[in-house]
Structures are given as structure tokens and as C-alpha cells.
Amino acid sequence: MAPSASTAPNGIVKKRKKSAGSPSYGTYLRKLLDQIYPAPDKVGISSVAMDALNGLMLDLEQRIIDQSMTLAKFQKKATLSAKHVQTAALLVMPQDLARHTMKEAGRAVNAYAVAINAK
């Protein structure tokens, strides 16, 4: 019997639902490392270091979410907008990192818009 299945008393096999688990940025961090250090200079990362970076990303994500929700509540809005998230990122991150983040985010949005319009 497969580990993801269980048998009911009447003999019917039922599949178990998979738990959602916690989100992980491991795949994205590895892709980023591959972009920064291409094939000849390929750099690896230990699982302990990956767990530390994943924890850092999850913490930063949660801080930005909390701050953007606070901003939305302060303005008596029921829906988050891009402006709320952008302002929250500016408030949560150090100034230089926040500026760089906004610059790269704008570049990514422009590249996405060009790709959509090209289709």
C-alpha cells in the first residue's frame, strides 16, 4: 500500500491529503546562486546555510506583510495595494537596501509588461 493512501473498514482505498507545510525559498535561492556564479565558478550552499537564509526570507516577508496590513488599516482600506507593500518595504528594510529593492522591482515589472505586450 502506498504511504499516501489508507484503507477504510469496507476495503475502499482513500488518498490522504498532503499537508501544506511551510513555504521555502530554497529553489529560488539556488537559481539566484546559479545566476551569480555560472557553471565554471559554481558555488554550493550547505543545508544549514540554506535553512538560515530561508528563515531570513520568511522573517522579512512576515515583517513586510504585518507593516503593510498596519498601513492599510491606518488608511481604513480593506484591500492591500502595491503602494502599501512598497511603503512597508521602505519602512522595514534599511534605506540603501530598500532603494535597491524598489529599483529592481520596477525593472522586473517593466520586463513583465514588455513580455505580456509582446504576446
C-alpha atoms as a PDB file:
ATOM      1  CA  MET A   1       0.000   0.000   0.000  1.00  0.00           C
ATOM      2  CA  ALA A   2       1.277   3.474  -0.833  1.00  0.00           C
ATOM      3  CA  PRO A   3       2.196   5.758   2.065  1.00  0.00           C
ATOM      4  CA  SER A   4      -0.252   8.372   0.816  1.00  0.00           C
ATOM      5  CA  ALA A   5      -3.237   6.010   0.931  1.00  0.00           C
ATOM      6  CA  SER A   6      -5.301   4.475   3.729  1.00  0.00           C
ATOM      7  CA  THR A   7      -7.801   1.665   3.757  1.00  0.00           C
ATOM      8  CA  ALA A   8     -11.279   2.198   5.154  1.00  0.00           C
ATOM      9  CA  PRO A   9     -13.020  -0.655   7.042  1.00  0.00           C
ATOM     10  CA  ASN A  10     -15.001  -1.548   3.919  1.00  0.00           C
ATOM     11  CA  GLY A  11     -11.796  -2.025   1.873  1.00  0.00           C
ATOM     12  CA  ILE A  12     -12.002   1.230  -0.099  1.00  0.00           C
ATOM     13  CA  VAL A  13      -8.635   2.933  -0.533  1.00  0.00           C
ATOM     14  CA  LYS A  14      -8.696   6.644   0.213  1.00  0.00           C
ATOM     15  CA  LYS A  15      -5.891   9.046  -0.635  1.00  0.00           C
ATOM     16  CA  ARG A  16      -4.594  11.235   2.170  1.00  0.00           C
ATOM     17  CA  LYS A  17      -4.310  14.954   1.711  1.00  0.00           C
ATOM     18  CA  LYS A  18      -0.803  16.357   1.762  1.00  0.00           C
ATOM     19  CA  SER A  19      -0.108  18.959   4.410  1.00  0.00           C
ATOM     20  CA  ALA A  20       0.750  22.393   3.101  1.00  0.00           C
ATOM     21  CA  GLY A  21       3.955  22.699   5.142  1.00  0.00           C
ATOM     22  CA  SER A  22       5.888  25.920   5.446  1.00  0.00           C
ATOM     23  CA  PRO A  23       6.941  27.842   2.336  1.00  0.00           C
ATOM     24  CA  SER A  24      10.545  27.552   1.230  1.00  0.00           C
ATOM     25  CA  TYR A  25      12.735  29.848  -0.810  1.00  0.00           C
ATOM     26  CA  GLY A  26      15.382  27.165  -1.380  1.00  0.00           C
ATOM     27  CA  THR A  27      14.662  26.698  -5.079  1.00  0.00           C
ATOM     28  CA  TYR A  28      14.788  30.426  -5.751  1.00  0.00           C
ATOM     29  CA  LEU A  29      17.985  30.900  -3.736  1.00  0.00           C
ATOM     30  CA  ARG A  30      19.702  28.114  -5.700  1.00  0.00           C
ATOM     31  CA  LYS A  31      18.613  29.699  -9.007  1.00  0.00           C
ATOM     32  CA  LEU A  32      19.971  33.029  -7.784  1.00  0.00           C
ATOM     33  CA  LEU A  33      23.300  31.428  -6.903  1.00  0.00           C
ATOM     34  CA  ASP A  34      23.438  29.871 -10.388  1.00  0.00           C
ATOM     35  CA  GLN A  35      22.885  33.309 -11.941  1.00  0.00           C
ATOM     36  CA  ILE A  36      25.550  34.976  -9.815  1.00  0.00           C
ATOM     37  CA  TYR A  37      28.100  32.147 -10.131  1.00  0.00           C
ATOM     38  CA  PRO A  38      27.709  30.445 -13.530  1.00  0.00           C
ATOM     39  CA  ALA A  39      28.994  26.939 -14.412  1.00  0.00           C
ATOM     40  CA  PRO A  40      32.817  27.296 -14.127  1.00  0.00           C
ATOM     41  CA  ASP A  41      32.646  29.078 -10.767  1.00  0.00           C
ATOM     42  CA  LYS A  42      29.589  27.196  -9.490  1.00  0.00           C
ATOM     43  CA  VAL A  43      29.177  27.663  -5.736  1.00  0.00           C
ATOM     44  CA  GLY A  44      27.192  25.366  -3.474  1.00  0.00           C
ATOM     45  CA  ILE A  45      25.419  26.075  -0.218  1.00  0.00           C
ATOM     46  CA  SER A  46      25.040  23.824   2.806  1.00  0.00           C
ATOM     47  CA  SER A  47      21.633  22.838   4.106  1.00  0.00           C
ATOM     48  CA  VAL A  48      22.296  24.719   7.357  1.00  0.00           C
ATOM     49  CA  ALA A  49      23.099  27.909   5.436  1.00  0.00           C
ATOM     50  CA  MET A  50      20.037  27.368   3.230  1.00  0.00           C
ATOM     51  CA  ASP A  51      17.857  26.999   6.330  1.00  0.00           C
ATOM     52  CA  ALA A  52      19.305  30.226   7.751  1.00  0.00           C
ATOM     53  CA  LEU A  53      18.637  32.144   4.510  1.00  0.00           C
ATOM     54  CA  ASN A  54      15.154  30.636   4.273  1.00  0.00           C
ATOM     55  CA  GLY A  55      14.414  31.783   7.830  1.00  0.00           C
ATOM     56  CA  LEU A  56      15.699  35.257   6.999  1.00  0.00           C
ATOM     57  CA  MET A  57      13.451  35.461   3.918  1.00  0.00           C
ATOM     58  CA  LEU A  58      10.387  34.227   5.828  1.00  0.00           C
ATOM     59  CA  ASP A  59      11.031  36.751   8.621  1.00  0.00           C
ATOM     60  CA  LEU A  60      11.422  39.627   6.157  1.00  0.00           C
ATOM     61  CA  GLU A  61       8.271  38.531   4.315  1.00  0.00           C
ATOM     62  CA  GLN A  62       6.275  38.445   7.553  1.00  0.00           C
ATOM     63  CA  ARG A  63       7.537  41.870   8.646  1.00  0.00           C
ATOM     64  CA  ILE A  64       6.558  43.432   5.314  1.00  0.00           C
ATOM     65  CA  ILE A  65       3.129  41.766   5.447  1.00  0.00           C
ATOM     66  CA  ASP A  66       2.492  42.979   9.001  1.00  0.00           C
ATOM     67  CA  GLN A  67       3.604  46.520   8.207  1.00  0.00           C
ATOM     68  CA  SER A  68       1.547  46.710   5.004  1.00  0.00           C
ATOM     69  CA  MET A  69      -1.545  45.465   6.855  1.00  0.00           C
ATOM     70  CA  THR A  70      -0.973  48.127   9.509  1.00  0.00           C
ATOM     71  CA  LEU A  71      -0.723  50.811   6.817  1.00  0.00           C
ATOM     72  CA  ALA A  72      -3.916  49.572   5.144  1.00  0.00           C
ATOM     73  CA  LYS A  73      -5.794  49.589   8.463  1.00  0.00           C
ATOM     74  CA  PHE A  74      -4.474  53.060   9.236  1.00  0.00           C
ATOM     75  CA  GLN A  75      -5.944  54.293   5.933  1.00  0.00           C
ATOM     76  CA  LYS A  76      -9.166  52.344   6.597  1.00  0.00           C
ATOM     77  CA  LYS A  77      -8.729  50.205   3.461  1.00  0.00           C
ATOM     78  CA  ALA A  78      -9.922  46.606   3.206  1.00  0.00           C
ATOM     79  CA  THR A  79      -7.609  45.738   0.311  1.00  0.00           C
ATOM     80  CA  LEU A  80      -3.836  45.928   0.136  1.00  0.00           C
ATOM     81  CA  SER A  81      -2.428  47.890  -2.754  1.00  0.00           C
ATOM     82  CA  ALA A  82       1.039  47.913  -4.272  1.00  0.00           C
ATOM     83  CA  LYS A  83       1.625  51.265  -2.589  1.00  0.00           C
ATOM     84  CA  HIS A  84       1.023  49.685   0.857  1.00  0.00           C
ATOM     85  CA  VAL A  85       3.564  46.923   0.183  1.00  0.00           C
ATOM     86  CA  GLN A  86       6.092  49.356  -1.295  1.00  0.00           C
ATOM     87  CA  THR A  87       5.828  51.708   1.687  1.00  0.00           C
ATOM     88  CA  ALA A  88       6.064  48.779   4.111  1.00  0.00           C
ATOM     89  CA  ALA A  89       9.237  47.561   2.379  1.00  0.00           C
ATOM     90  CA  LEU A  90      10.722  51.053   2.674  1.00  0.00           C
ATOM     91  CA  LEU A  91       9.887  51.146   6.393  1.00  0.00           C
ATOM     92  CA  VAL A  92      11.082  47.626   7.235  1.00  0.00           C
ATOM     93  CA  MET A  93      14.367  47.472   5.294  1.00  0.00           C
ATOM     94  CA  PRO A  94      17.447  49.647   5.694  1.00  0.00           C
ATOM     95  CA  GLN A  95      17.381  52.688   3.397  1.00  0.00           C
ATOM     96  CA  ASP A  96      20.022  51.552   0.867  1.00  0.00           C
ATOM     97  CA  LEU A  97      18.564  48.060   0.573  1.00  0.00           C
ATOM     98  CA  ALA A  98      15.049  49.448   0.218  1.00  0.00           C
ATOM     99  CA  ARG A  99      16.104  51.776  -2.615  1.00  0.00           C
ATOM    100  CA  HIS A 100      17.806  48.937  -4.445  1.00  0.00           C
ATOM    101  CA  THR A 101      14.756  46.715  -3.908  1.00  0.00           C
ATOM    102  CA  MET A 102      12.390  49.306  -5.375  1.00  0.00           C
ATOM    103  CA  LYS A 103      14.691  49.825  -8.362  1.00  0.00           C
ATOM    104  CA  GLU A 104      14.857  46.086  -9.106  1.00  0.00           C
ATOM    105  CA  ALA A 105      11.117  45.644  -8.546  1.00  0.00           C
ATOM    106  CA  GLY A 106      10.377  48.423 -11.044  1.00  0.00           C
ATOM    107  CA  ARG A 107      12.723  46.812 -13.549  1.00  0.00           C
ATOM    108  CA  ALA A 108      11.005  43.422 -13.081  1.00  0.00           C
ATOM    109  CA  VAL A 109       7.533  44.935 -13.534  1.00  0.00           C
ATOM    110  CA  ASN A 110       8.655  46.706 -16.724  1.00  0.00           C
ATOM    111  CA  ALA A 111      10.162  43.476 -18.107  1.00  0.00           C
ATOM    112  CA  TYR A 112       6.933  41.641 -17.308  1.00  0.00           C
ATOM    113  CA  ALA A 113       4.837  44.325 -19.044  1.00  0.00           C
ATOM    114  CA  VAL A 114       7.029  44.126 -22.150  1.00  0.00           C
ATOM    115  CA  ALA A 115       6.745  40.328 -22.198  1.00  0.00           C
ATOM    116  CA  ILE A 116       2.949  40.473 -21.878  1.00  0.00           C
ATOM    117  CA  ASN A 117       2.628  43.092 -24.621  1.00  0.00           C
ATOM    118  CA  ALA A 118       4.885  41.045 -26.934  1.00  0.00           C
ATOM    119  CA  LYS A 119       2.472  38.092 -26.899  1.00  0.00           C
END
